[in-house]
Protein backbone atom coordinates (compact mmCIF):
# COMPACT_ATOMS: atom_id res chain seq x y z
CA MET A 1 0.00 0.00 0.00
CA ASP A 2 1.26 3.47 -0.85
CA LEU A 3 2.15 5.14 2.44
CA CYS A 4 1.59 8.57 0.90
CA ILE A 5 -2.16 8.07 0.50
CA ALA A 6 -4.98 6.31 2.33
CA PRO A 7 -6.97 8.62 4.61
CA LEU A 8 -8.48 5.93 6.83
CA PHE A 9 -7.04 2.52 7.69
CA PHE A 10 -8.33 -0.52 9.47
CA SER A 11 -6.49 -3.86 9.41
CA GLY A 12 -4.41 -2.49 6.54
CA LYS A 13 -7.42 -1.69 4.33
CA ILE A 14 -8.97 1.56 3.20
CA VAL A 15 -12.53 1.74 4.49
CA ALA A 16 -15.41 4.04 3.64
CA GLU A 17 -17.55 3.70 6.76
CA SER A 18 -16.53 5.88 9.66
CA ARG A 19 -17.63 7.35 12.94
CA ILE A 20 -16.73 10.68 14.51
CA GLU A 21 -14.52 10.76 17.60
CA LYS A 22 -13.13 13.80 19.38
CA ASP A 23 -9.91 14.73 21.09
CA SER A 24 -8.51 18.03 22.34
CA LEU A 25 -7.84 19.15 18.75
CA GLY A 26 -11.36 18.49 17.51
CA GLU A 27 -13.28 15.89 15.54
CA VAL A 28 -11.65 13.01 13.66
CA LYS A 29 -13.14 10.40 11.35
CA VAL A 30 -12.29 6.90 12.56
CA PRO A 31 -13.12 3.63 10.76
CA SER A 32 -16.42 2.40 12.16
CA GLY A 33 -15.05 -1.02 13.07
CA ALA A 34 -11.92 0.25 14.78
CA LEU A 35 -11.53 0.06 18.53
CA TYR A 36 -8.96 2.85 18.49
CA GLY A 37 -9.99 6.49 18.51
CA ALA A 38 -9.07 9.98 17.45
CA GLN A 39 -5.47 10.18 18.64
CA THR A 40 -4.58 6.86 17.05
CA GLN A 41 -6.18 7.94 13.79
CA ARG A 42 -4.18 11.15 13.80
CA ALA A 43 -1.00 9.14 14.35
CA ILE A 44 -1.89 6.82 11.45
CA GLU A 45 -2.12 9.86 9.20
CA ASN A 46 0.99 11.55 10.62
CA PHE A 47 3.51 8.69 10.77
CA ARG A 48 3.57 6.81 7.48
CA VAL A 49 7.26 6.00 7.69
CA SER A 50 8.26 2.33 7.73
CA GLY A 51 5.27 0.05 8.14
CA ILE A 52 7.07 -1.49 11.16
CA ARG A 53 4.77 -1.99 14.14
CA PHE A 54 5.45 -2.72 17.77
CA PRO A 55 5.89 -6.48 18.24
CA ARG A 56 3.38 -8.76 19.94
CA VAL A 57 5.27 -8.94 23.24
CA PHE A 58 5.20 -5.14 23.56
CA ILE A 59 1.42 -4.96 23.03
CA ARG A 60 1.08 -7.83 25.49
CA SER A 61 3.04 -5.82 28.03
CA LEU A 62 0.95 -2.68 27.48
CA GLY A 63 -2.21 -4.68 28.03
CA MET A 64 -0.83 -6.15 31.22
CA ILE A 65 0.23 -2.74 32.58
CA LYS A 66 -3.15 -1.14 31.82
CA GLY A 67 -5.17 -3.94 33.38
CA LEU A 68 -3.10 -4.13 36.55
CA ALA A 69 -3.09 -0.34 36.86
CA ALA A 70 -6.89 -0.38 36.81
CA ASP A 71 -6.92 -3.04 39.53
CA VAL A 72 -4.62 -0.94 41.70
CA ASN A 73 -6.66 2.23 41.19
CA ALA A 74 -9.80 0.32 42.19
CA GLU A 75 -8.08 -1.04 45.32
CA LEU A 76 -7.03 2.52 46.22
CA GLY A 77 -10.62 3.70 45.86
CA LEU A 78 -9.81 5.94 42.92
CA LEU A 79 -11.65 4.06 40.16
CA ASP A 80 -15.19 2.69 40.15
CA ALA A 81 -15.12 -1.11 40.56
CA ASP A 82 -17.31 -1.79 37.53
CA LEU A 83 -15.18 0.44 35.30
CA ALA A 84 -12.02 -1.16 36.63
CA HIS A 85 -13.39 -4.65 35.98
CA ALA A 86 -14.30 -3.79 32.41
CA ILE A 87 -10.87 -2.23 31.83
CA SER A 88 -9.22 -5.30 33.29
CA LEU A 89 -11.19 -7.61 30.98
CA ALA A 90 -10.43 -5.49 27.92
CA SER A 91 -6.76 -5.28 28.90
CA GLU A 92 -6.55 -9.06 29.22
CA GLU A 93 -7.88 -9.34 25.68
CA VAL A 94 -5.27 -6.86 24.46
CA ALA A 95 -2.51 -8.71 26.31
CA GLY A 96 -3.73 -11.98 24.80
CA GLY A 97 -3.52 -10.67 21.25
CA LYS A 98 -7.23 -10.50 20.46
CA TRP A 99 -7.07 -6.93 19.19
CA ASP A 100 -3.63 -6.74 17.58
CA ASP A 101 -5.11 -5.48 14.32
CA HIS A 102 -6.19 -2.39 16.20
CA PHE A 103 -2.57 -1.43 16.97
CA PRO A 104 -1.47 -0.17 13.53
CA LEU A 105 1.01 2.54 14.46
CA ASP A 106 4.48 2.94 13.04
CA ILE A 107 7.54 2.63 15.28
CA PHE A 108 8.80 5.97 13.97
CA GLN A 109 6.38 8.30 15.74
CA THR A 110 6.50 10.69 18.66
CA GLY A 111 9.65 9.98 20.65
CA SER A 112 7.83 9.36 23.92
CA GLY A 113 5.58 6.70 22.39
CA THR A 114 2.55 8.78 23.35
CA SER A 115 0.71 7.71 20.20
CA THR A 116 1.04 4.04 21.10
CA ASN A 117 0.16 4.63 24.75
CA MET A 118 -2.99 6.42 23.59
CA ASN A 119 -3.63 3.64 21.06
CA ALA A 120 -3.74 1.22 23.99
CA ASN A 121 -5.86 3.60 26.08
CA GLU A 122 -8.39 4.05 23.27
CA VAL A 123 -8.65 0.38 22.33
CA ILE A 124 -9.09 -0.65 25.94
CA ALA A 125 -11.54 2.18 26.68
CA ASN A 126 -13.72 1.41 23.67
CA ARG A 127 -13.64 -2.33 24.30
CA ALA A 128 -14.48 -1.76 27.98
CA SER A 129 -17.33 0.53 26.94
CA LEU A 130 -18.70 -2.27 24.76
CA ILE A 131 -18.38 -4.72 27.66
CA LEU A 132 -20.46 -2.32 29.78
CA GLY A 133 -23.12 -2.05 27.07
CA GLY A 134 -22.02 1.24 25.52
CA ASN A 135 -20.70 2.01 22.07
CA ALA A 136 -17.20 2.55 20.72
CA GLY A 137 -16.54 6.26 20.95
CA SER A 138 -19.18 6.81 23.63
CA ARG A 139 -16.53 7.32 26.31
CA THR A 140 -18.49 5.27 28.81
CA VAL A 141 -14.95 4.37 29.73
CA HIS A 142 -12.61 7.30 29.11
CA PRO A 143 -9.15 6.57 27.61
CA ASN A 144 -7.41 9.27 29.67
CA ASP A 145 -9.45 9.66 32.83
CA HIS A 146 -9.98 5.94 33.44
CA VAL A 147 -7.58 3.72 31.45
CA ASN A 148 -4.61 6.08 31.82
CA MET A 149 -5.34 6.96 35.45
CA GLY A 150 -2.14 7.47 37.44
CA GLN A 151 -0.03 7.09 34.31
CA SER A 152 1.76 8.98 31.60
CA SER A 153 3.26 7.81 28.32
CA ASN A 154 6.54 8.91 29.88
CA ASP A 155 6.48 6.17 32.51
CA VAL A 156 4.25 3.59 30.79
CA ILE A 157 6.42 3.19 27.67
CA PRO A 158 9.71 2.75 29.62
CA THR A 159 7.89 0.27 31.85
CA ALA A 160 6.65 -1.63 28.81
CA ILE A 161 10.17 -1.70 27.35
CA HIS A 162 11.58 -3.29 30.49
CA LEU A 163 8.66 -5.68 30.89
CA SER A 164 8.55 -6.83 27.26
CA ALA A 165 12.32 -7.24 27.03
CA TYR A 166 12.42 -9.25 30.26
CA LEU A 167 9.57 -11.47 29.05
CA GLN A 168 11.14 -12.03 25.64
CA VAL A 169 14.55 -12.82 27.10
CA THR A 170 13.07 -15.19 29.67
CA GLU A 171 10.62 -16.95 27.40
CA LEU A 172 12.59 -17.03 24.14
CA LEU A 173 16.25 -16.08 24.31
CA LEU A 174 17.50 -17.86 27.42
CA PRO A 175 15.78 -21.19 26.61
CA SER A 176 17.15 -20.99 23.05
CA LEU A 177 20.69 -20.26 24.23
CA ALA A 178 20.43 -23.10 26.75
CA HIS A 179 19.29 -25.42 23.95
CA LEU A 180 22.23 -24.38 21.77
CA LYS A 181 24.63 -24.91 24.67
CA SER A 182 23.32 -28.41 25.42
CA THR A 183 23.36 -29.35 21.73
CA LEU A 184 26.98 -28.25 21.44
CA GLN A 185 27.90 -30.15 24.61
CA ARG A 186 26.23 -33.30 23.32
CA ARG A 187 28.06 -33.14 20.00
CA ALA A 188 31.32 -32.35 21.80
CA GLU A 189 30.96 -35.54 23.83
CA GLU A 190 30.12 -37.55 20.72
CA LEU A 191 33.16 -36.24 18.83
CA LYS A 192 35.74 -36.04 21.61
CA GLU A 193 37.89 -38.85 20.16
CA ILE A 194 38.30 -37.13 16.78
CA VAL A 195 41.58 -35.24 16.56
CA LYS A 196 41.87 -32.53 13.91
CA THR A 197 44.25 -29.81 12.90
CA GLY A 198 43.95 -26.70 15.02
CA ARG A 199 44.28 -23.36 13.29
CA THR A 200 45.58 -19.95 14.26
CA HIS A 201 45.61 -17.07 11.75
CA LEU A 202 43.72 -19.55 9.50
CA MET A 203 47.03 -21.44 9.27
CA ASP A 204 47.75 -24.99 10.44
CA ALA A 205 48.54 -25.18 14.16
CA MET A 206 48.75 -27.87 16.82
CA PRO A 207 46.12 -30.64 16.99
CA ILE A 208 42.92 -30.22 18.91
CA SER A 209 40.08 -32.64 19.48
CA MET A 210 36.78 -31.80 17.88
CA GLY A 211 35.27 -32.21 21.33
CA GLN A 212 37.53 -29.47 22.65
CA GLU A 213 36.59 -27.17 19.79
CA LEU A 214 32.85 -27.63 20.25
CA GLY A 215 33.29 -27.49 24.00
CA GLY A 216 34.83 -24.05 23.58
CA TRP A 217 31.78 -22.93 21.62
CA ALA A 218 29.48 -24.32 24.32
CA TYR A 219 31.38 -22.39 26.97
CA GLN A 220 31.01 -19.17 24.97
CA VAL A 221 27.24 -19.67 24.92
CA GLU A 222 27.23 -20.49 28.64
CA GLN A 223 29.01 -17.23 29.37
CA CYS A 224 26.48 -15.33 27.26
CA ILE A 225 23.70 -16.80 29.40
CA GLU A 226 25.54 -15.85 32.59
CA ARG A 227 26.13 -12.28 31.43
CA ILE A 228 22.49 -11.72 30.58
CA ASN A 229 21.32 -13.24 33.85
CA GLU A 230 23.84 -11.68 36.19
CA THR A 231 24.48 -8.29 34.62
CA CYS A 232 21.13 -7.12 33.33
CA PHE A 233 18.17 -8.50 35.20
CA SER A 234 18.86 -6.87 38.54
CA ARG A 235 18.42 -3.53 36.78
CA LEU A 236 15.99 -4.41 34.00
CA SER A 237 13.53 -5.50 36.68
CA ARG A 238 13.20 -1.93 37.99
CA LEU A 239 10.10 -0.31 36.49
CA ALA A 240 9.38 3.35 35.81
CA VAL A 241 5.63 3.08 36.49
CA GLY A 242 4.48 5.65 39.05
CA GLY A 243 6.68 8.49 37.80
CA THR A 244 4.01 9.92 35.46
CA ALA A 245 5.00 13.01 33.44
CA VAL A 246 8.48 13.98 34.67
CA GLY A 247 9.27 11.53 37.47
CA THR A 248 7.52 13.36 40.32
CA GLY A 249 4.47 11.09 40.25
CA ILE A 250 2.00 13.92 39.81
CA ASN A 251 -1.65 12.75 39.55
CA ALA A 252 -0.73 9.26 40.78
CA HIS A 253 -1.35 7.85 44.26
CA PRO A 254 1.94 7.63 46.23
CA GLU A 255 1.57 3.83 46.41
CA PHE A 256 0.56 3.40 42.78
CA GLY A 257 3.98 2.57 41.26
CA GLN A 258 4.95 0.14 43.99
CA ARG A 259 1.61 -1.65 43.86
CA VAL A 260 1.56 -1.97 40.05
CA ALA A 261 5.14 -3.27 40.01
CA LEU A 262 4.20 -5.85 42.64
CA LYS A 263 1.19 -6.98 40.62
CA ILE A 264 3.34 -7.29 37.50
CA ALA A 265 5.78 -9.42 39.49
CA GLU A 266 2.95 -11.63 40.72
CA ALA A 267 1.45 -11.96 37.25
CA THR A 268 4.73 -12.90 35.57
CA GLY A 269 6.60 -14.68 38.34
CA LEU A 270 9.51 -12.33 37.68
CA PRO A 271 11.21 -10.05 40.26
CA PHE A 272 9.86 -6.67 39.16
CA ILE A 273 9.98 -3.73 41.55
CA GLU A 274 9.40 0.01 41.31
CA THR A 275 12.51 1.92 40.28
CA GLY A 276 14.54 3.57 43.00
CA ASN A 277 14.71 6.78 40.97
CA HIS A 278 11.98 7.79 38.55
CA PHE A 279 13.94 10.69 37.11
CA ALA A 280 16.68 8.37 35.87
CA ALA A 281 14.20 5.72 34.77
CA GLN A 282 12.34 8.12 32.48
CA SER A 283 15.16 10.29 31.20
CA SER A 284 17.50 7.42 30.33
CA MET A 285 17.34 3.92 28.95
CA ASP A 286 20.69 2.86 30.42
CA ASN A 287 19.39 -0.53 31.50
CA ALA A 288 17.97 -1.29 28.06
CA LEU A 289 21.31 -0.32 26.54
CA GLU A 290 23.14 -2.52 29.03
CA LEU A 291 21.04 -5.49 27.94
CA SER A 292 21.69 -4.58 24.31
CA GLY A 293 25.41 -4.66 25.00
CA GLN A 294 25.11 -8.22 26.27
CA LEU A 295 23.02 -9.11 23.23
CA LYS A 296 25.76 -7.69 21.02
CA THR A 297 28.30 -9.86 22.83
CA ALA A 298 26.09 -12.91 22.29
CA ALA A 299 25.74 -11.97 18.62
CA SER A 300 29.52 -11.80 18.31
CA ALA A 301 29.84 -15.26 19.91
CA LEU A 302 27.21 -16.78 17.63
CA THR A 303 28.89 -15.21 14.61
CA LYS A 304 32.18 -16.85 15.56
CA ILE A 305 30.54 -20.26 16.00
CA ALA A 306 28.52 -20.05 12.80
CA ASN A 307 31.50 -18.83 10.79
CA ASP A 308 33.78 -21.58 12.16
CA MET A 309 31.22 -24.16 11.06
CA ARG A 310 30.91 -22.46 7.69
CA LEU A 311 34.68 -22.66 7.17
CA MET A 312 34.91 -26.26 8.42
CA ASN A 313 32.17 -27.14 5.94
CA SER A 314 33.88 -25.35 3.02
CA GLY A 315 34.60 -27.43 -0.04
CA PRO A 316 33.83 -30.16 -0.76
CA LEU A 317 37.09 -30.31 -2.76
CA ALA A 318 38.88 -26.99 -2.45
CA GLY A 319 38.03 -26.07 1.16
CA PHE A 320 38.65 -27.46 4.64
CA ALA A 321 35.88 -30.05 4.21
CA GLU A 322 36.17 -31.25 7.81
CA ILE A 323 32.42 -31.48 8.28
CA SER A 324 29.35 -31.65 6.07
CA LEU A 325 26.43 -29.54 7.19
CA PRO A 326 22.92 -30.87 6.46
CA ALA A 327 21.86 -30.31 2.85
CA LEU A 328 18.75 -28.18 3.31
CA GLN A 329 18.21 -26.64 -0.11
CA PRO A 330 19.87 -26.21 -3.52
CA GLY A 331 22.62 -23.61 -3.27
CA SER A 332 22.66 -22.12 -6.73
CA SER A 333 20.29 -21.13 -9.48
CA ILE A 334 22.97 -21.87 -12.07
CA MET A 335 25.34 -24.50 -10.59
CA PRO A 336 23.59 -27.87 -10.19
CA GLY A 337 24.45 -29.85 -7.09
CA LYS A 338 25.90 -26.92 -5.15
CA ILE A 339 24.97 -26.84 -1.45
CA ASN A 340 25.64 -23.80 0.70
CA PRO A 341 25.90 -23.31 4.50
CA VAL A 342 22.62 -21.39 4.54
CA ILE A 343 21.86 -21.70 8.25
CA CYS A 344 25.24 -20.30 9.22
CA GLU A 345 24.75 -17.42 6.81
CA SER A 346 21.28 -16.70 8.19
CA VAL A 347 22.63 -16.61 11.73
CA ILE A 348 25.53 -14.35 10.77
CA MET A 349 23.16 -11.87 9.10
CA ALA A 350 20.85 -11.85 12.13
CA CYS A 351 23.84 -11.17 14.38
CA ALA A 352 24.92 -8.29 12.15
CA GLN A 353 21.45 -6.78 12.61
CA VAL A 354 21.77 -7.17 16.40
CA THR A 355 25.08 -5.30 16.26
CA GLY A 356 23.45 -2.54 14.21
CA ASN A 357 20.56 -2.38 16.66
CA ASP A 358 23.01 -1.82 19.48
CA THR A 359 24.35 1.22 17.66
CA ALA A 360 20.80 2.53 17.25
CA LEU A 361 20.18 1.93 20.96
CA THR A 362 23.39 3.72 21.88
CA ILE A 363 22.33 6.77 19.90
CA GLY A 364 18.78 6.48 21.22
CA ASN A 365 19.84 6.31 24.84
CA SER A 366 22.02 9.38 24.40
CA ARG A 367 18.90 11.38 23.55
CA GLY A 368 17.64 11.43 27.10
CA GLU A 369 17.16 15.17 27.28
CA PHE A 370 16.31 16.59 30.70
CA GLU A 371 13.36 14.54 32.06
CA LEU A 372 12.53 12.33 29.06
CA ASN A 373 14.20 10.14 26.49
CA ILE A 374 12.70 10.99 23.10
CA MET A 375 13.64 7.83 21.20
CA LEU A 376 11.66 5.29 23.21
CA PRO A 377 9.85 3.59 20.29
CA LEU A 378 13.16 3.08 18.44
CA ILE A 379 14.72 1.66 21.61
CA ALA A 380 11.79 -0.71 22.09
CA HIS A 381 11.90 -1.92 18.50
CA SER A 382 15.68 -2.36 18.36
CA LEU A 383 15.95 -4.13 21.70
CA LEU A 384 13.05 -6.52 21.14
CA GLN A 385 14.14 -7.30 17.59
CA SER A 386 17.62 -8.16 18.85
CA VAL A 387 16.27 -10.48 21.54
CA THR A 388 13.99 -12.18 19.02
CA LEU A 389 16.68 -12.54 16.36
CA LEU A 390 19.14 -14.08 18.80
CA GLY A 391 16.54 -16.40 20.29
CA ASN A 392 15.37 -17.72 16.94
CA SER A 393 18.89 -17.89 15.50
CA SER A 394 20.25 -19.84 18.48
CA ARG A 395 17.63 -22.53 18.09
CA LEU A 396 18.05 -22.55 14.31
CA LEU A 397 21.80 -23.02 14.60
CA ALA A 398 21.37 -25.79 17.14
CA ASP A 399 18.71 -27.77 15.31
CA LYS A 400 19.64 -27.30 11.67
CA ALA A 401 23.42 -27.08 11.81
CA VAL A 402 25.05 -28.32 15.03
CA ALA A 403 22.79 -31.29 15.62
CA GLY A 404 23.04 -32.72 12.12
CA PHE A 405 26.52 -32.15 10.73
CA SER A 406 28.64 -35.17 9.87
CA VAL A 407 32.42 -35.45 10.22
CA ASN A 408 34.66 -36.21 7.26
CA ARG A 409 37.11 -38.38 9.19
CA GLU A 410 39.25 -39.42 6.23
CA LYS A 411 39.88 -35.80 5.25
CA ILE A 412 40.76 -34.86 8.82
CA GLU A 413 43.16 -37.77 9.27
CA GLU A 414 44.81 -37.16 5.91
CA VAL A 415 45.49 -33.51 6.69
CA ILE A 416 46.68 -33.93 10.24
CA GLY A 417 49.20 -36.60 9.32
CA ARG A 418 50.94 -34.21 6.91
CA ASN A 419 50.89 -31.17 9.18
CA PRO A 420 54.48 -29.83 9.53
CA VAL A 421 53.50 -28.04 12.74
CA LEU A 422 53.50 -31.42 14.49
CA ILE A 423 57.26 -30.92 14.79
CA THR A 424 56.45 -28.69 17.77
CA ALA A 425 56.21 -31.85 19.86
CA LEU A 426 59.92 -32.57 19.20
CA THR A 427 61.30 -29.13 20.08
CA GLY A 428 61.84 -30.12 23.69
CA VAL A 429 63.95 -33.07 22.53
CA ILE A 430 65.90 -31.80 19.50
CA GLY A 431 65.66 -28.01 19.91
CA TYR A 432 63.77 -25.32 18.04
CA ASP A 433 66.29 -24.71 15.22
CA LYS A 434 66.61 -28.34 14.18
CA ALA A 435 62.86 -28.80 14.43
CA ALA A 436 62.38 -25.82 12.13
CA ARG A 437 64.74 -27.35 9.54
CA ILE A 438 62.83 -30.62 9.62
CA ALA A 439 59.47 -28.84 9.22
CA LYS A 440 60.76 -26.75 6.31
CA ARG A 441 62.14 -29.80 4.49
CA ALA A 442 58.99 -31.85 5.09
CA TYR A 443 56.83 -29.09 3.69
CA ALA A 444 59.09 -28.49 0.68
CA GLU A 445 59.26 -32.20 -0.21
CA GLY A 446 55.60 -32.96 0.57
CA ARG A 447 56.59 -35.63 3.06
CA SER A 448 55.46 -36.37 6.61
CA ILE A 449 57.26 -34.95 9.63
CA LYS A 450 57.82 -38.45 10.96
CA GLU A 451 59.54 -39.57 7.78
CA VAL A 452 61.90 -36.60 7.58
CA ALA A 453 62.60 -36.62 11.33
CA ALA A 454 63.64 -40.25 11.10
CA GLU A 455 66.32 -39.19 8.62
CA MET A 456 67.49 -36.08 10.45
CA THR A 457 67.47 -37.29 14.10
CA ASP A 458 68.62 -40.27 16.15
CA LEU A 459 65.10 -40.90 17.47
CA THR A 460 63.73 -44.38 16.89
CA GLY A 461 60.56 -45.05 14.96
CA GLU A 462 58.84 -46.00 18.21
CA GLU A 463 59.90 -42.75 19.86
CA LEU A 464 58.83 -40.70 16.88
CA GLY A 465 55.49 -42.49 16.73
CA ARG A 466 54.85 -41.73 20.38
CA LEU A 467 56.02 -38.12 20.27
CA LEU A 468 54.26 -37.30 17.00
CA ASP A 469 50.93 -38.92 17.82
CA PRO A 470 48.39 -36.10 17.23
CA GLY A 471 46.09 -37.45 19.91
CA SER A 472 48.76 -37.13 22.58
CA MET A 473 49.15 -33.44 21.76
CA THR A 474 45.63 -32.40 22.74
CA GLY A 475 46.36 -32.68 26.48
CA GLU A 476 44.61 -34.67 29.12
CA THR A 477 41.86 -32.12 29.72
CA GLY A 478 38.70 -33.09 27.88
CA PRO A 479 36.38 -30.77 26.02
């Protein structure tokens, strides 16, 4: 659809039927079947930028915040019980995804996310009005006075960023990373007896077991999990709710933020609390950026693992050809029979996007000017996309690459037996200079180290066989 036209939208379609809703600027035509209202419609018309919407987990979080806020306001005697119950029911529907089509707004909108906060307020207010027997647009339930009671976009959107990121990390990313780690550990155990040529600078180096190599990858993933758990969650769990417009909590009950945070913790089973400083929580997104930094580290680790596998798979004739990744699809539109490491490439691209998102988050966080950060929607999108990309990519790499690759043993054994660097094992016996002469001659003549060493040293064949056994060079420590 051309973003430069289309006066009225509903579920991505131009519609003719409309109703009139009002906001502080006047009357607005809204599609008759839409649950959103005037402010959302204005934002639809104002922000035709990318077509990128807030993800499901963010809308889920907004619904949860609105419903629990209504419960707290009712408990404090500030909101009529029937209104609060209707808001709670409507909010549960929003959190559950029933009205996702009614959240059409572009990520690139007002920097506070006010348009999306009002989108949620209007959808919930109109749905609650219908639950109470009124009509959409009737304001039986008011989007500002009732649904947004005790709140501001300036504390709701930062709260939703923390909540949605925590949920997505807990429900998607950490289980996926744990699955990748266990898959790598399983394959490392299966392949621990296979000794291959190690490489430094992409050049032949001392032998290493394949179990040790995969075990190193598994440890990288384990450290990524630890960093996310230990570094970020103690701060990501602190919510801005209760600070309202500028952090002072104006128009909110003094207990509102603490009570809503407690209800969110009870609803999710996660350790959410009210922030210790609302001014910092609303003017900066330091904690979101901290999480993004750990996601960037994880992306770097996954890139290394995926690229190592891609190189080990290279060939089948002119590359390393140590492993064969599963053949998932034809690799060329012109070269029959070609198979490419498509999963590794997909993961590497996703990780590049995560790295780019971290740059966007860094710039976004720096725009916390006085009492408000004005790049909150961008921060939400970038952070949640990174979590999702890493979660999906980790499972993809585990299931479609790590779990199913086969080892080309003959190729590995052929290469390692001719590796001149094996002479390193003799340096303690014959000295570095003589060992270097043997390695140079073996390489120049295309002969094995053992064969040349037998001619240039007094070591017996039995001694050379023992000293030059690649398996003995990997050390006693397992993967």
